Amino acid sequence: MPIKRAAMKALRQSKKRQERNRMVKETVAYLRKQTRKAFEAKDRKKAEEWVKKTIKALDKAVQNGVLKKNTVSRTKSRLMKKLNDLKGKK
C-alpha cells in the first residue's frame, strides 16, 4: 500500500482507468462476438449493422488509448473483408 499522498492518488487513478479500459474491451469483445454470429447466420443486414457498431466502438477505443491503432486497423480490415465476402455471395 502506498504511503505518500501522491502515490495513493496515482493508485486510485490507475484503478479507475483500469476499470474503464476493462469495460471498453468487454464492450468491443461483445460487439465482435455479435458480428461473428451474424456472419455465421449469413444475415447480411444484421452483419452490416453489427460491423458498423463494432467499428465505431473500435475507433473510440483507439481515440481513448485503450487499444492500439494497428490492432484496430487489422481488426476492421478483417471485419470488412468478411462483410464484403458475405455481400458477394448473395
Protein backbone atom coordinates (compact mmCIF):
# COMPACT_ATOMS: atom_id res chain seq x y z
CA MET A 1 0.00 0.00 0.00
CA PRO A 2 1.42 3.41 -0.91
CA ILE A 3 2.35 5.74 1.92
CA LYS A 4 2.74 9.11 0.21
CA ARG A 5 -0.33 11.09 -0.76
CA ALA A 6 0.73 11.36 -4.39
CA ALA A 7 1.26 7.61 -4.62
CA MET A 8 -2.20 6.98 -3.12
CA LYS A 9 -3.76 9.30 -5.68
CA ALA A 10 -1.84 7.62 -8.51
CA LEU A 11 -3.12 4.24 -7.33
CA ARG A 12 -6.73 5.50 -7.25
CA GLN A 13 -6.37 6.94 -10.75
CA SER A 14 -4.83 3.78 -12.12
CA LYS A 15 -7.63 1.63 -10.68
CA LYS A 16 -10.27 3.90 -12.25
CA ARG A 17 -8.52 3.79 -15.61
CA GLN A 18 -8.10 0.03 -15.40
CA GLU A 19 -11.83 -0.43 -14.78
CA ARG A 20 -12.76 1.96 -17.58
CA ASN A 21 -10.42 0.20 -20.02
CA ARG A 22 -11.77 -3.19 -19.00
CA MET A 23 -15.33 -2.08 -19.71
CA VAL A 24 -14.36 -0.77 -23.15
CA LYS A 25 -12.58 -4.02 -24.01
CA GLU A 26 -15.55 -6.09 -22.83
CA THR A 27 -17.91 -3.99 -24.96
CA VAL A 28 -15.71 -4.42 -28.02
CA ALA A 29 -15.48 -8.18 -27.40
CA TYR A 30 -19.28 -8.41 -27.13
CA LEU A 31 -19.76 -6.48 -30.38
CA ARG A 32 -17.22 -8.64 -32.19
CA LYS A 33 -19.00 -11.76 -30.95
CA GLN A 34 -22.38 -10.50 -32.17
CA THR A 35 -20.84 -9.62 -35.53
CA ARG A 36 -19.35 -13.09 -35.83
CA LYS A 37 -22.75 -14.65 -35.06
CA ALA A 38 -24.35 -12.53 -37.79
CA PHE A 39 -21.66 -13.69 -40.25
CA GLU A 40 -22.24 -17.33 -39.33
CA ALA A 41 -26.00 -16.89 -39.78
CA LYS A 42 -25.27 -15.29 -43.19
CA ASP A 43 -27.61 -12.43 -42.29
CA ARG A 44 -26.29 -9.54 -44.38
CA LYS A 45 -28.38 -6.74 -42.87
CA LYS A 46 -27.60 -7.69 -39.28
CA ALA A 47 -23.95 -8.19 -40.15
CA GLU A 48 -23.76 -4.70 -41.67
CA GLU A 49 -25.40 -3.23 -38.58
CA TRP A 50 -23.08 -5.04 -36.15
CA VAL A 51 -19.97 -4.23 -38.20
CA LYS A 52 -20.89 -0.55 -38.14
CA LYS A 53 -21.34 -0.60 -34.35
CA THR A 54 -18.13 -2.58 -33.85
CA ILE A 55 -16.05 -0.24 -35.99
CA LYS A 56 -17.41 2.77 -34.13
CA ALA A 57 -16.50 1.20 -30.77
CA LEU A 58 -13.04 0.23 -32.01
CA ASP A 59 -12.34 3.76 -33.25
CA LYS A 60 -13.40 5.21 -29.90
CA ALA A 61 -11.17 2.73 -28.09
CA VAL A 62 -8.19 3.92 -30.15
CA GLN A 63 -9.11 7.55 -29.57
CA ASN A 64 -9.12 6.96 -25.80
CA GLY A 65 -5.88 4.99 -25.87
CA VAL A 66 -7.42 1.69 -24.79
CA LEU A 67 -6.41 -0.24 -27.91
CA LYS A 68 -3.52 0.27 -30.31
CA LYS A 69 -4.09 1.80 -33.73
CA ASN A 70 -2.62 -1.07 -35.78
CA THR A 71 -4.54 -3.72 -33.84
CA VAL A 72 -7.80 -1.92 -34.53
CA SER A 73 -6.88 -1.32 -38.14
CA ARG A 74 -6.22 -5.04 -38.62
CA THR A 75 -9.50 -5.97 -36.92
CA LYS A 76 -11.51 -3.51 -39.00
CA SER A 77 -9.89 -4.80 -42.17
CA ARG A 78 -10.83 -8.38 -41.32
CA LEU A 79 -14.40 -7.40 -40.49
CA MET A 80 -14.83 -5.53 -43.76
CA LYS A 81 -13.31 -8.41 -45.72
CA LYS A 82 -15.81 -10.84 -44.20
CA LEU A 83 -18.67 -8.43 -44.82
CA ASN A 84 -17.69 -7.98 -48.46
CA ASP A 85 -17.40 -11.76 -48.88
CA LEU A 86 -20.90 -12.10 -47.45
CA LYS A 87 -22.24 -9.45 -49.82
CA GLY A 88 -20.56 -11.10 -52.79
CA LYS A 89 -22.15 -14.48 -52.08
CA LYS A 90 -25.66 -13.06 -52.29
